[in-house]
Amino acid sequence: MFASLRSRLWLSYAFVIAVALGVVAFVLLAYLIRNPVLARQTQQQLITVRDLILAAPQRFVNNPSLLDEISQSNDVRVIVFDSSRETVIDTNPEKPHIPFPRRNVLNRNSQIALDAEGSAWLYTSSRLPNGLILVVTAPRPRAPALAIFTDEFFAPIVQAGLIALALSLILAFALSRWVADPLQKVISAARSYPAEDAQPVEPRGPREVQDLTRAFNSMVARVHASQRSQKDFVANVSHELKTPLTSIQGFAQAILDDTADTPEARKQAAQVIYDEAARLHRMALDLLDLARLEAGTADLEMSNVDVRSLLQNVVEKFTPQADKAGVTLRLDVPNGLPAITGDGDRLGQVFSNLVDNALKFTLANGKVVISAKKAGAEIEVSVTDTGSGVPKEALPRLFDRFYQADPSRAGGSQHGAGLGLAIAKEIVEAHGGKIGVRSQVEIGTTFTIHLPLASK
């Protein structure tokens, strides 16, 4: 019956509320037992007599018969003490002596004192103008425990308790639904996953439940993205493998069928097979490298790296290619640039990939600039070209595996598998950095890399 979270929450709230109301009821009942209606009436009578005497104290103190009369008519005992606590007047001297506590004798509220025989007396006291102390007392009335059920306060207390209990149970039910309903929606969404029309669960309820819902939505979004990535990966790999395998199969068939019947034709077929096989080999190595980087299992030999020297080596490596393309390749790095901690070979791979791409897509008389500077606790490296640029809609996917912003360039010397930027991104992130890109069509593209400085 109480297997669901909602019912258990409601039962927990109800139990806590019942315990709290039970404690309050116990305290109130204890008060009614210790202070029955007869005791409260006696207390009020004592206060009335005390105030009556205080209205004309000299008249009563100088005329003890008036104190006897008021004592008998109100069924109380009036005692007057002097400053040394000696009894001056006692309207019922035959009663047992009452040792009133010294610290409470001037308390105007009603108190309880025990006489010499152990009987309880209610009393109230006050100091008279002439220094005497007035005490008005009466035996504390005894009432059976069942008398509380006839007490004038008992019925309102019971009614208020029942109303409070009912309202509390209703509130507990609302609170349990407030907490449990959003969780139930998350459970339903999890059970129905992976439905194609699944929608994010609306965050509702307490902050912690909303955080859980947002985390669930984020997890679902990441899983969907991963599934789409896997589907795209399979489709892209199939597409990338199809062309070289077709070429290899076609030229191999030409050799087997003696269609390539001249030495030149056979050599050309063998060259194509060799080139396409090399292309497949590079793709396999890149995929393996990317998988290791994404899994965090790639070996990175970390050490202090001089950024200026690293970029200078990259420029020297690509200067012949830039000269051949008629593109100006320039390095703009200040002296004294702080070192970074990283794998020099891997970072060189990143910058080489960016410079290679920049040279491929920059026309003659254009330029490619590699710059670096210190930016706070990081080194910022930029590779800027004056090439054809990247369309705005292609920028968010530029670092995806196999993605090519300009499919029309497929084939020829500029064709690649579309893994270089994905690998570069993984390498940069493995170094605790980040990479970004901004571009305008027909104006140029700038890749910016931020790498943390070497720790001292």
Protein backbone atom coordinates (compact mmCIF):
# COMPACT_ATOMS: atom_id res chain seq x y z
CA MET A 1 0.00 0.00 0.00
CA PHE A 2 2.86 2.36 0.83
CA ALA A 3 5.28 1.20 -1.84
CA SER A 4 5.24 4.42 -3.86
CA LEU A 5 7.39 7.42 -3.00
CA ARG A 6 4.34 9.68 -2.79
CA SER A 7 2.58 7.51 -0.21
CA ARG A 8 5.77 7.10 1.81
CA LEU A 9 6.37 10.84 1.82
CA TRP A 10 2.79 11.43 2.89
CA LEU A 11 3.09 8.81 5.64
CA SER A 12 6.37 10.37 6.84
CA TYR A 13 4.86 13.86 6.94
CA ALA A 14 1.75 12.52 8.68
CA PHE A 15 3.88 10.74 11.29
CA VAL A 16 5.96 13.85 12.02
CA ILE A 17 2.81 15.99 12.27
CA ALA A 18 1.11 13.44 14.53
CA VAL A 19 4.14 13.34 16.82
CA ALA A 20 4.27 17.15 17.00
CA LEU A 21 0.54 17.42 17.74
CA GLY A 22 0.86 14.62 20.27
CA VAL A 23 3.58 16.50 22.15
CA VAL A 24 1.46 19.68 22.13
CA ALA A 25 -1.60 17.72 23.30
CA PHE A 26 0.42 16.11 26.11
CA VAL A 27 1.67 19.50 27.31
CA LEU A 28 -1.81 21.00 27.22
CA LEU A 29 -3.35 18.04 29.03
CA ALA A 30 -0.60 18.16 31.65
CA TYR A 31 -1.36 21.85 32.13
CA LEU A 32 -5.08 21.15 32.53
CA ILE A 33 -4.34 18.37 35.03
CA ARG A 34 -2.00 20.58 37.05
CA ASN A 35 -4.25 23.62 36.72
CA PRO A 36 -7.86 22.41 36.70
CA VAL A 37 -10.72 24.85 36.44
CA LEU A 38 -11.18 24.87 40.24
CA ALA A 39 -7.53 25.85 40.73
CA ARG A 40 -7.86 28.68 38.22
CA GLN A 41 -11.00 29.89 39.97
CA THR A 42 -9.19 29.80 43.32
CA GLN A 43 -6.26 31.74 41.84
CA GLN A 44 -8.60 34.41 40.54
CA GLN A 45 -10.31 34.62 43.93
CA LEU A 46 -6.95 35.11 45.68
CA ILE A 47 -6.03 37.91 43.30
CA THR A 48 -9.40 39.59 43.84
CA VAL A 49 -9.02 39.55 47.64
CA ARG A 50 -5.44 40.80 47.37
CA ASP A 51 -6.45 43.72 45.17
CA LEU A 52 -9.36 44.53 47.48
CA ILE A 53 -7.00 44.77 50.47
CA LEU A 54 -4.42 46.75 48.52
CA ALA A 55 -7.08 49.30 47.67
CA ALA A 56 -7.17 50.37 51.39
CA PRO A 57 -4.34 48.55 53.19
CA GLN A 58 -4.31 50.66 56.40
CA ARG A 59 -8.02 50.13 56.91
CA PHE A 60 -7.65 46.34 56.86
CA VAL A 61 -4.34 46.10 58.71
CA ASN A 62 -5.55 48.36 61.55
CA ASN A 63 -8.82 46.41 61.80
CA PRO A 64 -8.08 42.66 61.83
CA SER A 65 -11.80 41.90 62.14
CA LEU A 66 -12.28 43.17 58.59
CA LEU A 67 -9.57 40.75 57.42
CA ASP A 68 -11.34 37.92 59.27
CA GLU A 69 -14.62 38.87 57.63
CA ILE A 70 -13.20 39.04 54.11
CA SER A 71 -11.23 35.83 54.73
CA GLN A 72 -14.34 33.89 55.83
CA SER A 73 -16.59 35.30 53.12
CA ASN A 74 -14.10 34.35 50.39
CA ASP A 75 -12.87 31.15 52.04
CA VAL A 76 -9.23 32.29 51.97
CA ARG A 77 -6.49 32.75 54.52
CA VAL A 78 -4.87 36.16 54.93
CA ILE A 79 -1.40 36.41 56.48
CA VAL A 80 0.58 39.61 57.11
CA PHE A 81 4.36 39.45 57.79
CA ASP A 82 6.67 42.12 59.00
CA SER A 83 10.09 42.78 57.49
CA SER A 84 11.67 40.08 59.68
CA ARG A 85 9.19 37.48 58.39
CA GLU A 86 7.34 37.36 61.72
CA THR A 87 3.61 36.79 61.49
CA VAL A 88 1.65 39.92 62.41
CA ILE A 89 -1.83 38.80 61.35
CA ASP A 90 -3.13 35.34 60.46
CA THR A 91 -6.85 34.91 59.89
CA ASN A 92 -6.58 31.14 60.34
CA PRO A 93 -3.82 30.58 62.90
CA GLU A 94 -5.10 27.08 63.66
CA LYS A 95 -4.03 25.97 60.19
CA PRO A 96 -0.53 24.51 59.72
CA HIS A 97 2.35 26.93 59.31
CA ILE A 98 3.32 27.65 55.70
CA PRO A 99 7.03 28.37 55.03
CA PHE A 100 6.68 30.61 52.01
CA PRO A 101 9.85 30.72 49.86
CA ARG A 102 11.67 33.99 50.45
CA ARG A 103 12.51 34.51 46.79
CA ASN A 104 8.86 34.17 45.67
CA VAL A 105 7.01 35.84 48.49
CA LEU A 106 6.83 39.17 46.63
CA ASN A 107 5.82 37.62 43.33
CA ARG A 108 2.40 39.00 42.46
CA ASN A 109 1.56 35.94 40.36
CA SER A 110 -0.06 32.94 41.97
CA GLN A 111 2.41 30.46 43.44
CA ILE A 112 2.27 27.13 45.26
CA ALA A 113 3.71 26.44 48.72
CA LEU A 114 3.62 23.40 51.01
CA ASP A 115 2.62 23.67 54.67
CA ALA A 116 4.18 21.76 57.54
CA GLU A 117 1.90 18.78 56.84
CA GLY A 118 2.81 18.65 53.15
CA SER A 119 -0.47 20.05 51.84
CA ALA A 120 -0.33 22.38 48.83
CA TRP A 121 -1.49 25.98 49.11
CA LEU A 122 -2.04 28.51 46.35
CA TYR A 123 -0.99 32.02 47.28
CA THR A 124 -0.40 35.50 45.97
CA SER A 125 1.49 38.25 47.77
CA SER A 126 2.37 41.92 47.70
CA ARG A 127 4.27 44.48 49.77
CA LEU A 128 2.16 47.00 51.69
CA PRO A 129 3.10 50.69 51.86
CA ASN A 130 4.22 50.41 55.51
CA GLY A 131 6.73 47.66 54.70
CA LEU A 132 4.53 44.75 55.71
CA ILE A 133 4.03 41.80 53.38
CA LEU A 134 0.52 40.66 52.50
CA VAL A 135 -0.10 37.03 51.55
CA VAL A 136 -3.50 35.74 50.48
CA THR A 137 -3.61 31.93 50.33
CA ALA A 138 -6.03 29.02 50.07
CA PRO A 139 -5.71 25.25 49.88
CA ARG A 140 -5.08 24.03 46.38
CA PRO A 141 -8.26 22.24 45.23
CA ARG A 142 -7.91 18.67 44.10
CA ALA A 143 -9.77 17.42 41.06
CA PRO A 144 -9.87 13.92 39.55
CA ALA A 145 -7.99 13.38 36.28
CA LEU A 146 -11.26 12.78 34.44
CA ALA A 147 -12.34 16.28 35.39
CA ILE A 148 -10.23 17.66 32.51
CA PHE A 149 -12.90 16.38 30.12
CA THR A 150 -15.36 18.80 31.65
CA ASP A 151 -12.85 21.65 31.65
CA GLU A 152 -13.96 24.68 29.66
CA PHE A 153 -10.66 24.66 27.72
CA PHE A 154 -10.72 20.97 26.82
CA ALA A 155 -13.29 21.16 24.01
CA PRO A 156 -11.63 24.10 22.17
CA ILE A 157 -8.23 22.37 22.46
CA VAL A 158 -9.58 19.13 21.00
CA GLN A 159 -11.37 20.97 18.20
CA ALA A 160 -8.28 23.01 17.35
CA GLY A 161 -6.14 19.85 17.41
CA LEU A 162 -8.45 17.96 15.05
CA ILE A 163 -8.63 20.91 12.65
CA ALA A 164 -4.84 21.29 12.76
CA LEU A 165 -4.40 17.56 12.12
CA ALA A 166 -6.76 17.60 9.14
CA LEU A 167 -5.13 20.68 7.60
CA SER A 168 -1.68 19.22 8.23
CA LEU A 169 -2.57 15.96 6.51
CA ILE A 170 -3.92 17.86 3.52
CA LEU A 171 -0.76 19.97 3.41
CA ALA A 172 1.38 16.83 3.75
CA PHE A 173 -0.45 15.27 0.81
CA ALA A 174 0.15 18.40 -1.29
CA LEU A 175 3.83 18.45 -0.34
CA SER A 176 4.26 14.77 -1.16
CA ARG A 177 2.71 15.33 -4.59
CA TRP A 178 4.90 18.41 -5.10
CA VAL A 179 7.98 16.26 -4.58
CA ALA A 180 6.87 12.94 -6.05
CA ASP A 181 5.00 13.98 -9.22
CA PRO A 182 8.06 15.52 -10.98
CA LEU A 183 10.07 12.42 -10.06
CA GLN A 184 7.31 10.23 -11.49
CA LYS A 185 7.53 12.15 -14.76
CA VAL A 186 11.28 11.59 -14.87
CA ILE A 187 10.69 7.86 -14.25
CA SER A 188 8.08 7.72 -17.02
CA ALA A 189 10.41 9.53 -19.41
CA ALA A 190 13.25 7.15 -18.54
CA ARG A 191 11.03 4.10 -19.13
CA SER A 192 9.83 5.40 -22.50
CA TYR A 193 13.36 6.25 -23.66
CA PRO A 194 14.50 6.12 -26.45
CA ALA A 195 11.19 7.23 -28.00
CA GLU A 196 11.66 9.30 -31.12
CA ASP A 197 9.14 11.92 -29.99
CA ALA A 198 10.49 12.16 -26.43
CA GLN A 199 10.40 15.68 -25.06
CA PRO A 200 12.48 17.17 -22.21
CA VAL A 201 10.83 16.88 -18.81
CA GLU A 202 9.74 20.24 -17.43
CA PRO A 203 11.65 21.04 -14.19
CA ARG A 204 9.15 21.30 -11.33
CA GLY A 205 9.04 20.80 -7.59
CA PRO A 206 11.82 21.49 -5.05
CA ARG A 207 15.15 22.84 -6.22
CA GLU A 208 16.87 19.47 -5.80
CA VAL A 209 14.19 17.73 -7.89
CA GLN A 210 14.50 20.45 -10.55
CA ASP A 211 18.28 19.95 -10.58
CA LEU A 212 17.73 16.20 -11.01
CA THR A 213 15.29 16.85 -13.87
CA ARG A 214 17.73 19.20 -15.60
CA ALA A 215 20.52 16.65 -15.16
CA PHE A 216 18.25 13.97 -16.66
CA ASN A 217 17.39 16.22 -19.62
CA SER A 218 21.06 16.99 -20.12
CA MET A 219 21.94 13.30 -19.99
CA VAL A 220 19.24 12.46 -22.54
CA ALA A 221 20.48 15.25 -24.81
CA ARG A 222 24.05 13.92 -24.56
CA VAL A 223 22.89 10.38 -25.29
CA HIS A 224 20.91 11.59 -28.32
CA ALA A 225 23.95 13.53 -29.49
CA SER A 226 26.13 10.47 -29.00
CA GLN A 227 23.69 8.31 -30.95
CA ARG A 228 23.54 10.83 -33.76
CA SER A 229 27.32 11.03 -33.73
CA GLN A 230 27.59 7.25 -33.98
CA LYS A 231 25.11 7.16 -36.87
CA ASP A 232 26.94 9.99 -38.61
CA PHE A 233 30.23 8.23 -37.94
CA VAL A 234 29.07 5.00 -39.57
CA ALA A 235 27.59 6.87 -42.52
CA ASN A 236 30.69 9.03 -42.96
CA VAL A 237 33.13 6.15 -42.65
CA SER A 238 31.10 4.19 -45.18
CA HIS A 239 31.15 7.16 -47.52
CA GLU A 240 34.87 7.81 -47.07
CA LEU A 241 35.74 4.16 -47.59
CA LYS A 242 33.53 3.74 -50.61
CA THR A 243 35.54 5.92 -53.02
CA PRO A 244 39.05 4.50 -52.38
CA LEU A 245 37.76 0.94 -52.22
CA THR A 246 35.94 1.44 -55.51
CA SER A 247 39.12 2.79 -57.07
CA ILE A 248 41.21 -0.06 -55.73
CA GLN A 249 38.70 -2.63 -56.86
CA GLY A 250 38.33 -1.07 -60.32
CA PHE A 251 42.05 -0.79 -61.08
CA ALA A 252 42.76 -4.22 -59.63
CA GLN A 253 40.04 -5.61 -61.87
CA ALA A 254 41.65 -3.82 -64.82
CA ILE A 255 44.96 -5.54 -64.08
CA LEU A 256 43.28 -8.95 -63.64
CA ASP A 257 41.27 -8.59 -66.85
CA ASP A 258 44.29 -7.34 -68.79
CA THR A 259 42.36 -4.17 -69.56
CA ALA A 260 45.51 -2.34 -68.49
CA ASP A 261 47.49 -4.04 -71.21
CA THR A 262 50.44 -1.70 -71.42
CA PRO A 263 53.23 -1.19 -68.90
CA GLU A 264 52.18 2.46 -68.49
CA ALA A 265 48.54 1.50 -67.82
CA ARG A 266 49.54 -1.19 -65.31
CA LYS A 267 51.89 1.25 -63.58
CA GLN A 268 49.14 3.86 -63.40
CA ALA A 269 46.71 1.29 -61.96
CA ALA A 270 49.28 0.16 -59.40
CA GLN A 271 49.97 3.79 -58.44
CA VAL A 272 46.28 4.47 -57.91
CA ILE A 273 45.94 1.34 -55.80
CA TYR A 274 48.98 2.33 -53.78
CA ASP A 275 47.75 5.93 -53.24
CA GLU A 276 44.24 4.86 -52.23
CA ALA A 277 45.62 2.19 -49.87
CA ALA A 278 47.87 4.82 -48.30
CA ARG A 279 44.85 7.07 -47.94
CA LEU A 280 42.93 4.28 -46.17
CA HIS A 281 45.92 3.64 -43.93
CA ARG A 282 46.11 7.30 -42.91
CA MET A 283 42.40 7.33 -42.20
CA ALA A 284 42.67 4.23 -40.02
CA LEU A 285 45.56 5.76 -38.07
CA ASP A 286 43.66 9.03 -37.63
CA LEU A 287 40.56 7.19 -36.41
CA LEU A 288 42.62 5.18 -33.93
CA ASP A 289 44.38 8.34 -32.75
CA LEU A 290 41.04 10.16 -32.34
CA ALA A 291 39.55 7.25 -30.42
CA ARG A 292 42.48 7.23 -27.99
CA LEU A 293 42.27 10.97 -27.47
CA GLU A 294 38.53 10.86 -26.83
CA ALA A 295 38.98 7.96 -24.39
CA GLY A 296 41.85 9.74 -22.62
CA THR A 297 44.25 6.87 -23.24
CA ALA A 298 46.59 8.66 -25.67
CA ASP A 299 50.17 8.97 -24.43
CA LEU A 300 51.12 12.62 -23.89
CA GLU A 301 54.72 13.36 -22.95
CA MET A 302 54.29 16.54 -20.96
CA SER A 303 57.14 19.01 -20.54
CA ASN A 304 57.78 22.75 -20.73
CA VAL A 305 57.31 23.92 -24.33
CA ASP A 306 58.76 27.11 -25.83
CA VAL A 307 55.84 28.38 -27.92
CA ARG A 308 57.96 30.66 -30.10
CA SER A 309 60.38 27.86 -31.05
CA LEU A 310 57.49 25.47 -31.70
CA LEU A 311 55.73 27.91 -34.02
CA GLN A 312 59.02 28.82 -35.73
CA ASN A 313 59.52 25.14 -36.60
CA VAL A 314 56.00 24.99 -38.04
CA VAL A 315 56.67 28.06 -40.20
CA GLU A 316 59.93 26.60 -41.49
CA LYS A 317 58.17 23.33 -42.28
CA PHE A 318 55.45 25.00 -44.42
CA THR A 319 57.50 27.78 -46.03
CA PRO A 320 58.22 25.73 -49.20
CA GLN A 321 54.52 24.93 -49.55
CA ALA A 322 53.60 28.60 -49.04
CA ASP A 323 56.17 29.76 -51.60
CA LYS A 324 54.87 27.26 -54.12
CA ALA A 325 51.29 28.50 -53.60
CA GLY A 326 52.34 32.15 -53.75
CA VAL A 327 51.09 32.78 -50.20
CA THR A 328 52.92 34.86 -47.60
CA LEU A 329 53.49 32.88 -44.38
CA ARG A 330 54.45 35.12 -41.45
CA LEU A 331 55.18 34.56 -37.77
CA ASP A 332 54.24 37.27 -35.26
CA VAL A 333 55.39 36.20 -31.80
CA PRO A 334 57.08 38.51 -29.24
CA ASN A 335 60.29 37.56 -27.47
CA GLY A 336 60.15 36.36 -23.90
CA LEU A 337 56.83 34.55 -24.25
CA PRO A 338 56.26 32.29 -21.21
CA ALA A 339 56.45 28.53 -21.63
CA ILE A 340 53.49 26.18 -21.49
CA THR A 341 53.23 22.61 -20.25
CA GLY A 342 52.39 20.14 -22.99
CA ASP A 343 53.41 17.54 -25.52
CA GLY A 344 55.45 19.43 -28.09
CA ASP A 345 54.87 16.88 -30.86
CA ARG A 346 51.11 16.85 -30.32
CA LEU A 347 50.88 20.64 -30.22
CA GLY A 348 53.02 20.79 -33.34
CA GLN A 349 50.49 18.45 -34.94
CA VAL A 350 47.69 20.90 -34.07
CA PHE A 351 49.45 23.98 -35.47
CA SER A 352 50.63 22.06 -38.55
CA ASN A 353 47.06 21.01 -39.30
CA LEU A 354 45.77 24.58 -38.99
CA VAL A 355 48.55 26.05 -41.13
CA ASP A 356 48.14 23.30 -43.75
CA ASN A 357 44.39 24.02 -44.00
CA ALA A 358 45.03 27.76 -44.17
CA LEU A 359 47.49 27.33 -47.06
CA LYS A 360 45.16 25.00 -48.95
CA PHE A 361 42.26 27.44 -48.93
CA THR A 362 44.20 30.69 -49.45
CA LEU A 363 44.66 31.89 -53.00
CA ALA A 364 47.91 33.24 -54.45
CA ASN A 365 48.99 36.65 -53.15
CA GLY A 366 47.14 35.93 -49.92
CA LYS A 367 48.74 35.57 -46.50
CA VAL A 368 48.69 33.37 -43.44
CA VAL A 369 49.76 34.85 -40.09
CA ILE A 370 50.64 32.85 -36.99
CA SER A 371 50.60 35.01 -33.85
CA ALA A 372 50.88 34.34 -30.13
CA LYS A 373 50.58 36.44 -27.00
CA LYS A 374 50.12 36.11 -23.25
CA ALA A 375 46.49 36.49 -22.15
CA GLY A 376 46.22 36.34 -18.38
CA ALA A 377 47.17 32.85 -17.22
CA GLU A 378 47.09 31.52 -20.78
CA ILE A 379 48.93 31.70 -24.08
CA GLU A 380 46.71 32.66 -26.99
CA VAL A 381 47.83 31.36 -30.42
CA SER A 382 46.01 32.47 -33.58
CA VAL A 383 46.27 31.22 -37.16
CA THR A 384 44.72 33.76 -39.54
CA ASP A 385 44.35 33.46 -43.29
CA THR A 386 42.85 35.53 -46.10
CA GLY A 387 41.27 32.52 -47.74
CA SER A 388 37.76 31.77 -48.94
CA GLY A 389 36.33 31.62 -45.41
CA VAL A 390 33.75 29.27 -43.90
CA PRO A 391 29.96 29.79 -44.18
CA LYS A 392 28.32 30.85 -40.92
CA GLU A 393 26.07 27.80 -40.80
CA ALA A 394 29.09 25.48 -41.07
CA LEU A 395 31.05 26.92 -38.12
CA PRO A 396 29.27 24.94 -35.32
CA ARG A 397 30.14 21.61 -37.02
CA LEU A 398 33.63 22.46 -38.17
CA PHE A 399 35.26 20.26 -35.49
CA ASP A 400 32.96 17.26 -36.11
CA ARG A 401 34.49 14.07 -37.44
CA PHE A 402 34.39 13.74 -41.25
CA TYR A 403 32.68 17.11 -41.60
CA GLN A 404 33.81 19.19 -44.58
CA ALA A 405 32.55 22.73 -44.90
CA ASP A 406 33.03 22.73 -48.69
CA PRO A 407 32.16 19.30 -50.16
CA SER A 408 32.85 20.64 -53.64
CA ARG A 409 36.57 20.53 -52.80
CA ALA A 410 36.48 16.76 -52.36
CA GLY A 411 39.10 15.03 -54.45
CA GLY A 412 42.46 16.24 -55.56
CA SER A 413 45.22 17.48 -53.35
CA GLN A 414 42.90 19.44 -51.11
CA HIS A 415 40.70 16.50 -50.20
CA GLY A 416 40.97 15.08 -46.70
CA ALA A 417 38.94 12.74 -44.52
CA GLY A 418 37.71 15.57 -42.28
CA LEU A 419 39.45 14.27 -39.14
CA GLY A 420 42.22 16.85 -38.73
CA LEU A 421 40.23 19.50 -36.87
CA ALA A 422 38.50 16.89 -34.70
CA ILE A 423 41.92 15.54 -33.67
CA ALA A 424 43.24 19.07 -33.10
CA LYS A 425 40.31 19.85 -30.80
CA GLU A 426 40.86 16.69 -28.74
CA ILE A 427 44.60 17.42 -28.39
CA VAL A 428 43.96 21.00 -27.24
CA GLU A 429 41.35 19.88 -24.70
CA ALA A 430 43.70 17.14 -23.46
CA HIS A 431 46.11 19.98 -22.59
CA GLY A 432 43.40 21.79 -20.59
CA GLY A 433 42.91 24.38 -23.34
CA LYS A 434 40.20 25.33 -25.80
CA ILE A 435 40.01 26.08 -29.50
CA GLY A 436 37.62 28.35 -31.37
CA VAL A 437 37.06 29.70 -34.86
CA ARG A 438 35.62 32.80 -36.47
CA SER A 439 35.28 33.32 -40.20
CA GLN A 440 33.75 35.43 -42.93
CA VAL A 441 33.23 34.21 -46.47
CA GLU A 442 35.69 35.75 -48.97
CA ILE A 443 37.51 37.55 -46.12
CA GLY A 444 39.25 34.82 -44.16
CA THR A 445 39.30 32.55 -41.15
CA THR A 446 40.97 32.74 -37.74
CA PHE A 447 41.51 29.76 -35.45
CA THR A 448 42.31 30.72 -31.85
CA ILE A 449 43.82 28.37 -29.30
CA HIS A 450 44.12 29.07 -25.56
CA LEU A 451 46.63 26.98 -23.59
CA PRO A 452 47.40 27.34 -19.85
CA LEU A 453 50.85 28.56 -18.82
CA ALA A 454 53.34 26.19 -17.27
CA SER A 455 52.92 25.88 -13.49
CA LYS A 456 55.80 27.31 -11.51
